[in-house]
Amino acid sequence: MEKKLLLINSTETTICLHTESTKPPELFEQLDFIERTTLDYQKRVQGIRELLLASHATGDYIKLLSEYSFCPALIGNDNEPVFLYRFIEVIDEILDYDEIKKELPTLSFSQINSAISFLRKFVQFNARKIDIDELEDSEMIQNRRLMDKVMQAFADKETSRVLNLGE
């Protein structure tokens, strides 16, 4: 009677049936893959759990919706999500770095900017490990009209800087 081993690959939800004739190295590779995948999922679940605890501790305004891969968001009065990374972007745009520097004089502007960038990156957490910055970059590149405006703005800024150099 042939012995069989059942392996379940949770990332693709496929089931593989291996017989005793399966080479041990292949079997070990498959087991290693399952172990790595399981650990990765455990880390993601733990991340979601920590974000849920933080949301609960701060009034449950921050939502982790499954349809958005648990990326932290506020829900606007139009019932649309405002993702926290976008919220941090707005804060960064209106923030007065000089005022922060007055309050925390031992920090450089680079450190202040890095802290804001860190917070933005941190709140991009999502269960699917989607790199939101990379996604936005690729969408911007595909949007030729937007890229033309950005390039024009860079050109205008450069012209302005060159013209102001002699003053």
Protein backbone atom coordinates (compact mmCIF):
# COMPACT_ATOMS: atom_id res chain seq x y z
CA MET A 1 0.00 0.00 0.00
CA GLU A 2 1.41 3.36 -1.05
CA LYS A 3 1.58 6.09 1.62
CA LYS A 4 0.46 9.56 0.61
CA LEU A 5 1.14 13.00 2.04
CA LEU A 6 -1.30 15.86 1.59
CA LEU A 7 0.13 19.37 1.26
CA ILE A 8 -1.96 22.49 1.05
CA ASN A 9 -0.54 25.63 -0.53
CA SER A 10 -2.58 28.42 1.04
CA THR A 11 -1.42 31.20 -1.30
CA GLU A 12 -2.88 29.53 -4.35
CA THR A 13 -5.34 27.27 -2.52
CA THR A 14 -4.13 24.24 -4.40
CA ILE A 15 -3.81 20.80 -2.92
CA CYS A 16 -0.90 18.60 -3.89
CA LEU A 17 -0.84 14.87 -3.24
CA HIS A 18 2.65 13.41 -2.97
CA THR A 19 3.56 9.75 -2.90
CA GLU A 20 6.56 8.07 -1.31
CA SER A 21 8.26 8.29 -4.69
CA THR A 22 8.46 12.10 -4.39
CA LYS A 23 12.07 13.11 -3.99
CA PRO A 24 12.79 14.32 -0.44
CA PRO A 25 14.49 17.57 -1.57
CA GLU A 26 11.35 18.59 -3.47
CA LEU A 27 9.22 17.76 -0.47
CA PHE A 28 11.47 19.79 1.84
CA GLU A 29 11.36 22.73 -0.58
CA GLN A 30 7.58 22.58 -0.58
CA LEU A 31 7.46 22.38 3.20
CA ASP A 32 9.84 25.35 3.46
CA PHE A 33 7.61 27.33 1.12
CA ILE A 34 4.53 26.52 3.20
CA GLU A 35 6.35 27.51 6.38
CA ARG A 36 7.52 30.85 4.90
CA THR A 37 4.04 31.57 3.55
CA THR A 38 2.43 30.75 6.88
CA LEU A 39 4.85 33.01 8.75
CA ASP A 40 4.18 35.82 6.27
CA TYR A 41 0.43 35.50 6.81
CA GLN A 42 0.90 35.45 10.57
CA LYS A 43 2.87 38.70 10.37
CA ARG A 44 0.16 40.33 8.27
CA VAL A 45 -2.57 39.20 10.66
CA GLN A 46 -0.55 40.53 13.60
CA GLY A 47 -0.15 43.87 11.80
CA ILE A 48 -3.90 44.10 11.24
CA ARG A 49 -4.51 43.17 14.88
CA GLU A 50 -2.16 45.94 16.11
CA LEU A 51 -3.82 48.52 13.85
CA LEU A 52 -7.27 47.43 15.07
CA LEU A 53 -6.15 47.79 18.68
CA ALA A 54 -4.74 51.26 17.95
CA SER A 55 -7.97 52.25 16.19
CA HIS A 56 -10.06 51.03 19.11
CA ALA A 57 -7.86 52.87 21.62
CA THR A 58 -8.29 56.14 19.68
CA GLY A 59 -12.06 56.11 19.20
CA ASP A 60 -12.57 53.64 16.32
CA TYR A 61 -12.49 56.39 13.68
CA ILE A 62 -9.77 54.59 11.75
CA LYS A 63 -11.28 51.78 9.72
CA LEU A 64 -9.53 48.71 8.34
CA LEU A 65 -11.87 47.58 5.60
CA SER A 66 -11.32 44.18 4.02
CA GLU A 67 -12.31 45.46 0.56
CA TYR A 68 -9.26 47.77 0.74
CA SER A 69 -6.91 45.07 2.06
CA PHE A 70 -7.15 46.56 5.57
CA CYS A 71 -5.29 49.74 4.59
CA PRO A 72 -6.10 52.25 7.39
CA ALA A 73 -8.65 54.89 6.40
CA LEU A 74 -11.06 57.46 7.75
CA ILE A 75 -14.55 57.41 6.27
CA GLY A 76 -15.66 60.80 4.94
CA ASN A 77 -19.20 62.14 5.21
CA ASP A 78 -19.65 60.92 1.61
CA ASN A 79 -18.97 57.35 2.89
CA GLU A 80 -15.77 57.20 0.82
CA PRO A 81 -12.46 56.18 2.42
CA VAL A 82 -9.74 58.76 2.98
CA PHE A 83 -6.64 56.64 3.41
CA LEU A 84 -4.30 57.68 6.21
CA TYR A 85 -1.33 57.91 3.86
CA ARG A 86 -3.25 60.59 1.93
CA PHE A 87 -4.15 62.28 5.23
CA ILE A 88 -0.43 62.40 6.12
CA GLU A 89 0.32 63.90 2.68
CA VAL A 90 -2.14 66.74 3.38
CA ILE A 91 -0.63 67.32 6.83
CA ASP A 92 2.83 67.47 5.23
CA GLU A 93 1.60 70.03 2.67
CA ILE A 94 0.20 72.42 5.30
CA LEU A 95 2.78 71.77 8.01
CA ASP A 96 5.16 74.58 8.93
CA TYR A 97 8.54 72.91 9.25
CA ASP A 98 9.99 76.07 10.85
CA GLU A 99 7.48 75.76 13.72
CA ILE A 100 8.47 72.14 14.26
CA LYS A 101 12.10 73.19 14.22
CA LYS A 102 11.35 75.78 16.93
CA GLU A 103 9.69 73.12 19.11
CA LEU A 104 12.36 70.49 18.41
CA PRO A 105 15.52 72.50 17.66
CA THR A 106 17.84 69.50 17.79
CA LEU A 107 16.22 67.99 14.69
CA SER A 108 17.24 68.85 11.17
CA PHE A 109 14.74 69.57 8.39
CA SER A 110 15.81 66.29 6.82
CA GLN A 111 14.93 64.41 10.00
CA ILE A 112 11.54 66.13 10.21
CA ASN A 113 10.83 65.26 6.58
CA SER A 114 12.00 61.69 7.16
CA ALA A 115 9.65 61.32 10.15
CA ILE A 116 6.68 62.49 8.06
CA SER A 117 7.69 60.14 5.23
CA PHE A 118 8.01 57.28 7.72
CA LEU A 119 4.51 57.89 9.06
CA ARG A 120 3.11 58.03 5.53
CA LYS A 121 4.86 54.78 4.60
CA PHE A 122 3.76 53.11 7.84
CA VAL A 123 0.07 53.85 7.26
CA GLN A 124 0.29 52.36 3.77
CA PHE A 125 0.12 48.95 5.45
CA ASN A 126 -2.21 46.57 3.64
CA ALA A 127 -2.76 42.84 3.78
CA ARG A 128 -1.83 42.30 0.15
CA LYS A 129 1.54 44.04 0.52
CA ILE A 130 0.73 46.41 -2.33
CA ASP A 131 3.36 49.14 -2.67
CA ILE A 132 1.09 52.17 -2.94
CA ASP A 133 3.93 54.54 -3.88
CA GLU A 134 4.97 52.26 -6.74
CA LEU A 135 1.34 51.94 -7.86
CA GLU A 136 0.84 55.72 -7.81
CA ASP A 137 4.13 56.23 -9.67
CA SER A 138 3.11 53.81 -12.42
CA GLU A 139 -0.34 55.43 -12.71
CA MET A 140 1.27 58.88 -12.96
CA ILE A 141 3.64 57.69 -15.66
CA GLN A 142 0.73 56.19 -17.60
CA ASN A 143 -1.21 59.44 -17.29
CA ARG A 144 0.67 61.36 -19.99
CA ARG A 145 -1.26 64.60 -19.49
CA LEU A 146 -0.41 64.68 -15.81
CA MET A 147 3.24 63.89 -16.56
CA ASP A 148 3.32 66.75 -19.09
CA LYS A 149 2.05 69.13 -16.38
CA VAL A 150 4.62 67.85 -13.90
CA MET A 151 7.42 68.23 -16.43
CA GLN A 152 6.22 71.77 -17.27
CA ALA A 153 6.13 72.64 -13.56
CA PHE A 154 9.69 71.37 -13.18
CA ALA A 155 10.76 73.38 -16.21
CA ASP A 156 9.05 76.53 -14.85
CA LYS A 157 10.70 76.03 -11.47
CA GLU A 158 14.11 75.57 -13.09
CA THR A 159 13.64 78.68 -15.26
CA SER A 160 12.55 80.67 -12.22
CA ARG A 161 15.54 79.46 -10.22
CA VAL A 162 17.98 80.31 -13.01
CA LEU A 163 16.43 83.76 -13.50
CA ASN A 164 16.59 84.49 -9.76
CA LEU A 165 20.21 83.39 -9.48
CA GLY A 166 21.59 86.71 -10.73
CA GLU A 167 19.54 88.83 -8.31
